[in-house]
C-alpha atoms as a PDB file:
ATOM      1  CA  MET A   1     192.021 170.740-113.947  1.00  0.00           C
ATOM      2  CA  GLU A   2     188.471 170.961-115.313  1.00  0.00           C
ATOM      3  CA  SER A   3     187.753 168.907-118.337  1.00  0.00           C
ATOM      4  CA  ASN A   4     186.751 170.642-121.528  1.00  0.00           C
ATOM      5  CA  ARG A   5     184.452 167.792-122.621  1.00  0.00           C
ATOM      6  CA  PRO A   6     180.826 168.717-123.284  1.00  0.00           C
ATOM      7  CA  PRO A   7     178.474 168.532-120.330  1.00  0.00           C
ATOM      8  CA  ALA A   8     176.672 165.253-119.739  1.00  0.00           C
ATOM      9  CA  GLU A   9     172.963 165.021-120.304  1.00  0.00           C
ATOM     10  CA  THR A  10     171.029 166.700-117.368  1.00  0.00           C
ATOM     11  CA  ASP A  11     167.614 166.377-118.626  1.00  0.00           C
ATOM     12  CA  ALA A  12     164.698 163.798-117.991  1.00  0.00           C
ATOM     13  CA  SER A  13     166.727 161.062-119.515  1.00  0.00           C
ATOM     14  CA  LEU A  14     168.382 160.745-116.086  1.00  0.00           C
ATOM     15  CA  LEU A  15     165.169 159.111-114.839  1.00  0.00           C
ATOM     16  CA  SER A  16     164.890 155.442-115.741  1.00  0.00           C
ATOM     17  CA  THR A  17     162.003 154.232-113.486  1.00  0.00           C
ATOM     18  CA  VAL A  18     159.221 156.688-114.387  1.00  0.00           C
ATOM     19  CA  ASP A  19     157.795 157.940-117.744  1.00  0.00           C
ATOM     20  CA  ALA A  20     159.004 161.523-117.600  1.00  0.00           C
ATOM     21  CA  ALA A  21     159.824 164.027-120.250  1.00  0.00           C
ATOM     22  CA  SER A  22     161.777 167.252-120.538  1.00  0.00           C
ATOM     23  CA  THR A  23     159.874 170.307-121.691  1.00  0.00           C
ATOM     24  CA  VAL A  24     160.664 174.022-122.220  1.00  0.00           C
ATOM     25  CA  ARG A  25     158.065 176.569-121.180  1.00  0.00           C
ATOM     26  CA  THR A  26     158.176 180.190-121.877  1.00  0.00           C
ATOM     27  CA  VAL A  27     157.247 182.035-118.722  1.00  0.00           C
ATOM     28  CA  ASN A  28     157.637 185.586-117.442  1.00  0.00           C
ATOM     29  CA  GLY A  29     159.860 186.518-120.531  1.00  0.00           C
ATOM     30  CA  ILE A  30     162.311 183.657-120.162  1.00  0.00           C
ATOM     31  CA  ARG A  31     162.479 179.889-121.114  1.00  0.00           C
ATOM     32  CA  LEU A  32     162.412 177.360-118.246  1.00  0.00           C
ATOM     33  CA  HIS A  33     163.294 173.738-118.675  1.00  0.00           C
ATOM     34  CA  ALA A  34     161.216 171.359-116.588  1.00  0.00           C
ATOM     35  CA  VAL A  35     160.704 167.627-116.115  1.00  0.00           C
ATOM     36  CA  VAL A  36     157.092 166.565-116.264  1.00  0.00           C
ATOM     37  CA  ALA A  37     155.440 163.246-115.360  1.00  0.00           C
ATOM     38  CA  GLY A  38     151.999 161.933-114.572  1.00  0.00           C
ATOM     39  CA  ASP A  39     148.561 162.236-115.949  1.00  0.00           C
ATOM     40  CA  GLU A  40     147.820 165.669-117.474  1.00  0.00           C
ATOM     41  CA  ASP A  41     144.446 165.852-115.574  1.00  0.00           C
ATOM     42  CA  ALA A  42     145.850 164.751-112.232  1.00  0.00           C
ATOM     43  CA  PRO A  43     146.299 167.262-109.321  1.00  0.00           C
ATOM     44  CA  LEU A  44     149.477 169.277-109.984  1.00  0.00           C
ATOM     45  CA  VAL A  45     152.526 169.253-107.713  1.00  0.00           C
ATOM     46  CA  VAL A  46     155.411 171.631-108.510  1.00  0.00           C
ATOM     47  CA  LEU A  47     158.780 170.847-106.881  1.00  0.00           C
ATOM     48  CA  LEU A  48     161.330 173.622-106.529  1.00  0.00           C
ATOM     49  CA  HIS A  49     165.018 172.921-106.006  1.00  0.00           C
ATOM     50  CA  GLY A  50     167.687 175.096-104.342  1.00  0.00           C
ATOM     51  CA  PHE A  51     171.402 176.032-104.522  1.00  0.00           C
ATOM     52  CA  PRO A  52     173.391 174.456-106.047  1.00  0.00           C
ATOM     53  CA  GLU A  53     171.072 171.903-107.415  1.00  0.00           C
ATOM     54  CA  PHE A  54     168.763 171.483-110.389  1.00  0.00           C
ATOM     55  CA  TRP A  55     165.550 169.570-110.966  1.00  0.00           C
ATOM     56  CA  TYR A  56     167.491 166.352-110.261  1.00  0.00           C
ATOM     57  CA  ALA A  57     167.380 167.076-106.529  1.00  0.00           C
ATOM     58  CA  TRP A  58     163.757 165.800-106.470  1.00  0.00           C
ATOM     59  CA  ARG A  59     164.405 162.522-108.395  1.00  0.00           C
ATOM     60  CA  TYR A  60     163.398 160.386-105.332  1.00  0.00           C
ATOM     61  CA  GLN A  61     160.004 162.034-105.072  1.00  0.00           C
ATOM     62  CA  ILE A  62     158.817 162.089-108.658  1.00  0.00           C
ATOM     63  CA  GLU A  63     157.882 158.549-109.175  1.00  0.00           C
ATOM     64  CA  PRO A  64     156.044 158.072-105.749  1.00  0.00           C
ATOM     65  CA  LEU A  65     154.075 161.172-106.480  1.00  0.00           C
ATOM     66  CA  VAL A  66     153.097 160.007-109.910  1.00  0.00           C
ATOM     67  CA  GLU A  67     152.157 156.565-108.577  1.00  0.00           C
ATOM     68  CA  ALA A  68     149.947 158.361-105.945  1.00  0.00           C
ATOM     69  CA  GLY A  69     148.045 160.087-108.745  1.00  0.00           C
ATOM     70  CA  TYR A  70     149.684 163.367-109.149  1.00  0.00           C
ATOM     71  CA  ARG A  71     150.910 165.397-112.159  1.00  0.00           C
ATOM     72  CA  VAL A  72     154.508 166.379-111.224  1.00  0.00           C
ATOM     73  CA  LEU A  73     156.276 169.440-112.690  1.00  0.00           C
ATOM     74  CA  VAL A  74     159.946 170.035-111.666  1.00  0.00           C
ATOM     75  CA  PRO A  75     161.619 173.017-113.169  1.00  0.00           C
ATOM     76  CA  ASP A  76     165.206 174.133-113.363  1.00  0.00           C
ATOM     77  CA  GLN A  77     164.759 177.571-111.788  1.00  0.00           C
ATOM     78  CA  ARG A  78     166.034 180.515-113.688  1.00  0.00           C
ATOM     79  CA  GLY A  79     169.740 180.589-114.031  1.00  0.00           C
ATOM     80  CA  TYR A  80     170.099 176.782-113.425  1.00  0.00           C
ATOM     81  CA  ASN A  81     171.077 173.960-115.739  1.00  0.00           C
ATOM     82  CA  LEU A  82     169.004 174.003-118.890  1.00  0.00           C
ATOM     83  CA  SER A  83     166.949 177.091-118.148  1.00  0.00           C
ATOM     84  CA  ASP A  84     167.627 180.602-119.302  1.00  0.00           C
ATOM     85  CA  LYS A  85     170.276 182.552-117.488  1.00  0.00           C
ATOM     86  CA  PRO A  86     169.596 186.278-117.541  1.00  0.00           C
ATOM     87  CA  GLY A  87     172.723 188.337-117.212  1.00  0.00           C
ATOM     88  CA  SER A  88     171.755 190.932-114.631  1.00  0.00           C
ATOM     89  CA  VAL A  89     171.640 190.579-110.839  1.00  0.00           C
ATOM     90  CA  ARG A  90     168.256 192.335-110.850  1.00  0.00           C
ATOM     91  CA  ALA A  91     166.815 189.453-112.909  1.00  0.00           C
ATOM     92  CA  TYR A  92     167.049 187.161-109.940  1.00  0.00           C
ATOM     93  CA  ARG A  93     164.815 189.279-107.528  1.00  0.00           C
ATOM     94  CA  GLN A  94     162.468 187.073-105.532  1.00  0.00           C
ATOM     95  CA  ARG A  95     159.421 188.562-107.165  1.00  0.00           C
ATOM     96  CA  TYR A  96     160.636 187.516-110.642  1.00  0.00           C
ATOM     97  CA  CYS A  97     161.472 184.003-109.493  1.00  0.00           C
ATOM     98  CA  SER A  98     157.973 183.654-107.973  1.00  0.00           C
ATOM     99  CA  ARG A  99     156.226 185.044-111.120  1.00  0.00           C
ATOM    100  CA  ASP A 100     158.106 182.312-113.061  1.00  0.00           C
ATOM    101  CA  ILE A 101     156.274 179.631-111.088  1.00  0.00           C
ATOM    102  CA  VAL A 102     152.820 181.329-111.321  1.00  0.00           C
ATOM    103  CA  ASP A 103     153.295 181.416-115.124  1.00  0.00           C
ATOM    104  CA  LEU A 104     154.638 177.846-115.154  1.00  0.00           C
ATOM    105  CA  ILE A 105     151.524 176.537-113.364  1.00  0.00           C
ATOM    106  CA  ALA A 106     149.418 178.439-116.019  1.00  0.00           C
ATOM    107  CA  THR A 107     151.222 176.511-118.787  1.00  0.00           C
ATOM    108  CA  GLU A 108     149.507 173.415-117.457  1.00  0.00           C
ATOM    109  CA  GLY A 109     146.168 175.011-117.760  1.00  0.00           C
ATOM    110  CA  ARG A 110     145.881 175.566-114.064  1.00  0.00           C
ATOM    111  CA  SER A 111     145.403 178.594-111.764  1.00  0.00           C
ATOM    112  CA  SER A 112     146.922 176.864-108.752  1.00  0.00           C
ATOM    113  CA  ALA A 113     149.067 173.822-107.645  1.00  0.00           C
ATOM    114  CA  HIS A 114     150.589 172.226-104.638  1.00  0.00           C
ATOM    115  CA  VAL A 115     154.032 173.819-104.185  1.00  0.00           C
ATOM    116  CA  VAL A 116     156.952 172.139-102.584  1.00  0.00           C
ATOM    117  CA  GLY A 117     160.374 173.841-102.061  1.00  0.00           C
ATOM    118  CA  HIS A 118     163.789 173.131-100.586  1.00  0.00           C
ATOM    119  CA  ASP A 119     166.426 175.795 -99.791  1.00  0.00           C
ATOM    120  CA  TRP A 120     166.065 178.624-102.387  1.00  0.00           C
ATOM    121  CA  GLY A 121     163.149 176.665-103.782  1.00  0.00           C
ATOM    122  CA  GLY A 122     161.618 176.997-100.411  1.00  0.00           C
ATOM    123  CA  ALA A 123     162.294 180.757-100.418  1.00  0.00           C
ATOM    124  CA  VAL A 124     160.384 181.001-103.757  1.00  0.00           C
ATOM    125  CA  ALA A 125     157.602 178.763-102.328  1.00  0.00           C
ATOM    126  CA  TRP A 126     157.176 181.100 -99.295  1.00  0.00           C
ATOM    127  CA  ASP A 127     157.140 184.183-101.558  1.00  0.00           C
ATOM    128  CA  LEU A 128     154.586 182.552-103.855  1.00  0.00           C
ATOM    129  CA  ALA A 129     152.235 181.793-100.969  1.00  0.00           C
ATOM    130  CA  LEU A 130     152.586 185.355 -99.653  1.00  0.00           C
ATOM    131  CA  ARG A 131     152.435 187.220-102.968  1.00  0.00           C
ATOM    132  CA  TYR A 132     150.064 184.960-104.859  1.00  0.00           C
ATOM    133  CA  PRO A 133     148.179 182.952-102.175  1.00  0.00           C
ATOM    134  CA  ASP A 134     145.422 181.822-104.559  1.00  0.00           C
ATOM    135  CA  ALA A 135     148.058 180.071-106.665  1.00  0.00           C
ATOM    136  CA  VAL A 136     149.048 177.665-103.857  1.00  0.00           C
ATOM    137  CA  ASP A 137     146.651 174.861-102.845  1.00  0.00           C
ATOM    138  CA  ARG A 138     149.060 173.328-100.270  1.00  0.00           C
ATOM    139  CA  LEU A 139     152.512 174.395 -99.439  1.00  0.00           C
ATOM    140  CA  ALA A 140     155.461 172.180 -98.244  1.00  0.00           C
ATOM    141  CA  ILE A 141     158.924 173.603 -97.226  1.00  0.00           C
ATOM    142  CA  SER A 142     162.162 171.899 -96.372  1.00  0.00           C
ATOM    143  CA  ASN A 143     164.956 173.894 -94.645  1.00  0.00           C
ATOM    144  CA  ALA A 144     164.082 177.310 -95.853  1.00  0.00           C
ATOM    145  CA  PRO A 145     162.930 179.971 -93.367  1.00  0.00           C
ATOM    146  CA  HIS A 146     159.923 182.222 -93.761  1.00  0.00           C
ATOM    147  CA  PRO A 147     161.484 185.588 -94.891  1.00  0.00           C
ATOM    148  CA  THR A 148     160.413 187.593 -91.837  1.00  0.00           C
ATOM    149  CA  ALA A 149     161.564 184.761 -89.464  1.00  0.00           C
ATOM    150  CA  TYR A 150     164.995 184.747 -91.097  1.00  0.00           C
ATOM    151  CA  VAL A 151     165.443 188.582 -90.836  1.00  0.00           C
ATOM    152  CA  GLU A 152     164.435 188.464 -87.170  1.00  0.00           C
ATOM    153  CA  GLN A 153     166.726 185.672 -86.397  1.00  0.00           C
ATOM    154  CA  LEU A 154     169.663 187.381 -88.182  1.00  0.00           C
ATOM    155  CA  ARG A 155     169.097 190.472 -86.043  1.00  0.00           C
ATOM    156  CA  SER A 156     168.889 188.682 -82.773  1.00  0.00           C
ATOM    157  CA  ASP A 157     171.194 185.538 -83.004  1.00  0.00           C
ATOM    158  CA  PRO A 158     174.969 185.904 -83.512  1.00  0.00           C
ATOM    159  CA  ASP A 159     175.098 182.180 -84.267  1.00  0.00           C
ATOM    160  CA  GLN A 160     172.806 182.467 -87.245  1.00  0.00           C
ATOM    161  CA  LEU A 161     174.743 185.529 -88.479  1.00  0.00           C
ATOM    162  CA  ARG A 162     177.900 183.382 -88.300  1.00  0.00           C
ATOM    163  CA  ARG A 163     176.172 180.463 -90.204  1.00  0.00           C
ATOM    164  CA  SER A 164     175.164 182.894 -92.935  1.00  0.00           C
ATOM    165  CA  GLY A 165     178.712 184.097 -93.579  1.00  0.00           C
ATOM    166  CA  TYR A 166     179.060 182.190 -96.817  1.00  0.00           C
ATOM    167  CA  ALA A 167     176.211 184.300 -98.291  1.00  0.00           C
ATOM    168  CA  TYR A 168     178.059 187.440 -97.604  1.00  0.00           C
ATOM    169  CA  PHE A 169     181.137 186.076 -99.379  1.00  0.00           C
ATOM    170  CA  PHE A 170     178.844 185.405-102.377  1.00  0.00           C
ATOM    171  CA  GLN A 171     178.148 189.110-102.586  1.00  0.00           C
ATOM    172  CA  LEU A 172     181.725 189.829-103.858  1.00  0.00           C
ATOM    173  CA  PRO A 173     182.246 190.241-107.645  1.00  0.00           C
ATOM    174  CA  ARG A 174     183.946 187.491-109.690  1.00  0.00           C
ATOM    175  CA  LEU A 175     185.971 186.037-106.704  1.00  0.00           C
ATOM    176  CA  PRO A 176     183.278 183.548-105.570  1.00  0.00           C
ATOM    177  CA  GLU A 177     182.975 182.288-109.210  1.00  0.00           C
ATOM    178  CA  TRP A 178     186.688 181.727-109.462  1.00  0.00           C
ATOM    179  CA  CYS A 179     186.847 179.990-106.077  1.00  0.00           C
ATOM    180  CA  LEU A 180     183.829 177.672-106.835  1.00  0.00           C
ATOM    181  CA  ARG A 181     184.990 176.891-110.374  1.00  0.00           C
ATOM    182  CA  PHE A 182     188.651 176.190-109.422  1.00  0.00           C
ATOM    183  CA  ASP A 183     189.938 172.685-109.983  1.00  0.00           C
ATOM    184  CA  GLY A 184     186.726 171.300-111.459  1.00  0.00           C
ATOM    185  CA  PHE A 185     184.326 172.767-108.778  1.00  0.00           C
ATOM    186  CA  ARG A 186     186.249 171.237-105.966  1.00  0.00           C
ATOM    187  CA  LEU A 187     185.087 173.806-103.366  1.00  0.00           C
ATOM    188  CA  LEU A 188     181.405 173.485-104.387  1.00  0.00           C
ATOM    189  CA  GLU A 189     181.656 169.681-104.229  1.00  0.00           C
ATOM    190  CA  TRP A 190     183.396 169.998-100.802  1.00  0.00           C
ATOM    191  CA  MET A 191     180.557 172.304 -99.597  1.00  0.00           C
ATOM    192  CA  LEU A 192     177.981 169.609-100.504  1.00  0.00           C
ATOM    193  CA  ARG A 193     179.897 166.690 -98.934  1.00  0.00           C
ATOM    194  CA  GLU A 194     180.883 168.491 -95.701  1.00  0.00           C
ATOM    195  CA  SER A 195     177.411 169.820 -95.052  1.00  0.00           C
ATOM    196  CA  SER A 196     175.632 166.550 -95.508  1.00  0.00           C
ATOM    197  CA  ALA A 197     175.680 163.094 -93.882  1.00  0.00           C
ATOM    198  CA  PRO A 198     178.431 160.743 -95.214  1.00  0.00           C
ATOM    199  CA  GLY A 199     177.498 159.162 -98.477  1.00  0.00           C
ATOM    200  CA  THR A 200     174.661 161.545 -99.237  1.00  0.00           C
ATOM    201  CA  PHE A 201     176.142 162.712-102.586  1.00  0.00           C
ATOM    202  CA  THR A 202     177.719 159.908-104.530  1.00  0.00           C
ATOM    203  CA  ASP A 203     180.443 160.343-107.201  1.00  0.00           C
ATOM    204  CA  GLU A 204     177.996 159.662-109.872  1.00  0.00           C
ATOM    205  CA  GLU A 205     175.481 162.257-108.644  1.00  0.00           C
ATOM    206  CA  LEU A 206     178.187 164.869-108.238  1.00  0.00           C
ATOM    207  CA  GLN A 207     179.291 164.236-111.836  1.00  0.00           C
ATOM    208  CA  ARG A 208     175.782 165.167-112.850  1.00  0.00           C
ATOM    209  CA  TYR A 209     175.836 168.313-110.752  1.00  0.00           C
ATOM    210  CA  ARG A 210     179.110 169.378-112.189  1.00  0.00           C
ATOM    211  CA  ALA A 211     177.695 168.996-115.670  1.00  0.00           C
ATOM    212  CA  ALA A 212     174.917 171.367-114.689  1.00  0.00           C
ATOM    213  CA  TRP A 213     177.394 173.892-113.123  1.00  0.00           C
ATOM    214  CA  ARG A 214     179.569 173.789-116.099  1.00  0.00           C
ATOM    215  CA  ARG A 215     176.919 175.172-118.409  1.00  0.00           C
ATOM    216  CA  ASP A 216     177.668 178.662-119.834  1.00  0.00           C
ATOM    217  CA  GLY A 217     176.617 181.356-117.280  1.00  0.00           C
ATOM    218  CA  SER A 218     175.307 178.952-114.637  1.00  0.00           C
ATOM    219  CA  LEU A 219     177.712 179.561-111.827  1.00  0.00           C
ATOM    220  CA  SER A 220     177.263 183.452-111.911  1.00  0.00           C
ATOM    221  CA  ALA A 221     173.462 183.009-112.252  1.00  0.00           C
ATOM    222  CA  MET A 222     173.297 180.683-109.263  1.00  0.00           C
ATOM    223  CA  LEU A 223     175.282 183.180-107.205  1.00  0.00           C
ATOM    224  CA  ASP A 224     173.191 186.088-108.388  1.00  0.00           C
ATOM    225  CA  TRP A 225     170.227 184.718-106.474  1.00  0.00           C
ATOM    226  CA  TYR A 226     172.232 185.606-103.283  1.00  0.00           C
ATOM    227  CA  ARG A 227     173.372 188.973-104.736  1.00  0.00           C
ATOM    228  CA  ALA A 228     169.772 189.869-105.677  1.00  0.00           C
ATOM    229  CA  SER A 229     168.455 188.965-102.231  1.00  0.00           C
ATOM    230  CA  ALA A 230     170.917 191.402-100.603  1.00  0.00           C
ATOM    231  CA  ARG A 231     170.494 194.230-103.071  1.00  0.00           C
ATOM    232  CA  TYR A 232     166.862 193.952-103.527  1.00  0.00           C
ATOM    233  CA  PRO A 233     165.334 192.505-100.335  1.00  0.00           C
ATOM    234  CA  PRO A 234     162.012 190.814-101.014  1.00  0.00           C
ATOM    235  CA  SER A 235     159.025 192.462 -99.549  1.00  0.00           C
ATOM    236  CA  THR A 236     155.331 191.531 -99.571  1.00  0.00           C
ATOM    237  CA  ALA A 237     152.197 193.222 -98.253  1.00  0.00           C
ATOM    238  CA  ARG A 238     151.579 190.279 -95.899  1.00  0.00           C
ATOM    239  CA  ASN A 239     153.403 187.904 -93.511  1.00  0.00           C
ATOM    240  CA  ARG A 240     150.747 185.360 -92.732  1.00  0.00           C
ATOM    241  CA  VAL A 241     150.726 182.134 -94.937  1.00  0.00           C
ATOM    242  CA  ASP A 242     147.108 180.983 -95.672  1.00  0.00           C
ATOM    243  CA  PRO A 243     147.510 177.645 -97.487  1.00  0.00           C
ATOM    244  CA  PRO A 244     148.020 174.536 -95.280  1.00  0.00           C
ATOM    245  CA  THR A 245     151.759 174.285 -94.831  1.00  0.00           C
ATOM    246  CA  LEU A 246     154.091 171.461 -93.948  1.00  0.00           C
ATOM    247  CA  LEU A 247     157.616 172.206 -92.623  1.00  0.00           C
ATOM    248  CA  VAL A 248     160.159 169.371 -92.800  1.00  0.00           C
ATOM    249  CA  TRP A 249     163.367 170.459 -91.130  1.00  0.00           C
ATOM    250  CA  GLY A 250     166.665 168.779 -90.781  1.00  0.00           C
ATOM    251  CA  LYS A 251     167.773 169.729 -87.226  1.00  0.00           C
ATOM    252  CA  ALA A 252     171.460 169.281 -87.973  1.00  0.00           C
ATOM    253  CA  ASP A 253     171.458 172.005 -90.739  1.00  0.00           C
ATOM    254  CA  ALA A 254     174.853 173.657 -90.685  1.00  0.00           C
ATOM    255  CA  ALA A 255     173.521 176.877 -92.281  1.00  0.00           C
ATOM    256  CA  LEU A 256     170.254 177.420 -90.438  1.00  0.00           C
ATOM    257  CA  VAL A 257     169.610 177.286 -86.627  1.00  0.00           C
ATOM    258  CA  PRO A 258     166.703 174.944 -85.610  1.00  0.00           C
ATOM    259  CA  GLU A 259     164.827 177.796 -84.063  1.00  0.00           C
ATOM    260  CA  LEU A 260     164.067 179.093 -87.497  1.00  0.00           C
ATOM    261  CA  ALA A 261     161.763 176.189 -88.048  1.00  0.00           C
ATOM    262  CA  THR A 262     159.533 176.995 -85.088  1.00  0.00           C
ATOM    263  CA  ARG A 263     159.687 180.729 -85.847  1.00  0.00           C
ATOM    264  CA  SER A 264     158.558 179.961 -89.400  1.00  0.00           C
ATOM    265  CA  ARG A 265     155.714 177.832 -88.384  1.00  0.00           C
ATOM    266  CA  ALA A 266     154.387 180.767 -86.260  1.00  0.00           C
ATOM    267  CA  PHE A 267     153.706 182.667 -89.490  1.00  0.00           C
ATOM    268  CA  CYS A 268     151.350 179.880 -90.874  1.00  0.00           C
ATOM    269  CA  GLU A 269     147.606 179.966 -90.301  1.00  0.00           C
ATOM    270  CA  GLN A 270     147.657 176.063 -90.648  1.00  0.00           C
ATOM    271  CA  GLY A 271     151.240 174.913 -89.986  1.00  0.00           C
ATOM    272  CA  ARG A 272     152.779 171.530 -89.157  1.00  0.00           C
ATOM    273  CA  LEU A 273     156.328 171.037 -88.280  1.00  0.00           C
ATOM    274  CA  GLU A 274     158.295 167.800 -88.659  1.00  0.00           C
ATOM    275  CA  MET A 275     161.760 168.095 -87.124  1.00  0.00           C
ATOM    276  CA  LEU A 276     164.089 165.427 -88.263  1.00  0.00           C
ATOM    277  CA  SER A 277     166.934 164.696 -85.870  1.00  0.00           C
ATOM    278  CA  GLU A 278     170.390 163.720 -87.147  1.00  0.00           C
ATOM    279  CA  THR A 279     169.404 165.145 -90.527  1.00  0.00           C
ATOM    280  CA  THR A 280     171.177 168.002 -92.192  1.00  0.00           C
ATOM    281  CA  HIS A 281     170.093 170.670 -94.644  1.00  0.00           C
ATOM    282  CA  TRP A 282     169.812 168.105 -97.368  1.00  0.00           C
ATOM    283  CA  VAL A 283     166.512 166.542 -96.338  1.00  0.00           C
ATOM    284  CA  PRO A 284     165.131 165.232 -99.647  1.00  0.00           C
ATOM    285  CA  HIS A 285     168.532 163.586-100.320  1.00  0.00           C
ATOM    286  CA  GLU A 286     169.251 162.199 -96.801  1.00  0.00           C
ATOM    287  CA  ARG A 287     165.709 161.134 -95.994  1.00  0.00           C
ATOM    288  CA  PRO A 288     163.967 160.589 -99.287  1.00  0.00           C
ATOM    289  CA  GLU A 289     161.463 157.981 -98.126  1.00  0.00           C
ATOM    290  CA  ARG A 290     160.451 159.971 -95.035  1.00  0.00           C
ATOM    291  CA  THR A 291     160.211 163.115 -97.115  1.00  0.00           C
ATOM    292  CA  THR A 292     157.961 161.416 -99.623  1.00  0.00           C
ATOM    293  CA  GLU A 293     155.777 159.912 -96.872  1.00  0.00           C
ATOM    294  CA  LEU A 294     155.252 163.278 -95.268  1.00  0.00           C
ATOM    295  CA  LEU A 295     154.494 164.938 -98.628  1.00  0.00           C
ATOM    296  CA  LEU A 296     151.928 162.374 -99.616  1.00  0.00           C
ATOM    297  CA  GLU A 297     150.196 162.664 -96.288  1.00  0.00           C
ATOM    298  CA  HIS A 298     150.224 166.454 -96.396  1.00  0.00           C
ATOM    299  CA  LEU A 299     148.992 166.682-100.050  1.00  0.00           C
ATOM    300  CA  ALA A 300     146.144 164.221 -99.370  1.00  0.00           C
ATOM    301  CA  GLY A 301     144.805 166.651 -96.776  1.00  0.00           C
END
């Protein structure tokens, strides 16, 4: 059974090798918790996590980016961990999640930043580049398809439709919450372990994720990202991505067919694709050194 003990710390205190701090920024009418590190005047890099993670998903990249001379800002996106968790599905529409990041960049006294996203963080990064192109200096995406590429693939590829089946299950009311919370988040933990290379998520790391999932309202908020995407499909006035874009793609992703990577690159004015063989959806976790290497090369121009 799930323990009733208070959640463990899930703030910047988890980092021991870099001088980082937790901060709370009011953006777009809500409060976002973020971890920040690096010189305040250095070029800004924003790292966006996905489901079912929190800022901690980027722990391997924070220190190298700071050492390379960047200011790094890593939020818990709305609904996750220590950030606010609005109670309506509508609150998780893509346009609101993107506006969060525009406003977050502004709290640093900037009008733009380099933006890096994985999974749902990648979806926000795509939307940001399409909706607010002037806010993105350079874009980097890991295993998150361009929105138009994804729709086209779903319509034409039964394999992708099958792989996306879990997202349809998440549309149901209450039942997904019950299933994922049952027995101390056993199913959610199983999903992470089964979709990644052996040893990717250690017991200690999963304990920290469970602490984030256990926070009041977190589980429903995390699932509401999926519900909002289905009920309020994102739409923008453009499909082409202007900022220089790096795609780092794990070819063995169980949820996304590899063709989505090349299809997504086709929407980029200046796109580069790095396909990583024998790597699953969890690229920043499984290939942290290669991820960091590619990011540093891309951000340096």
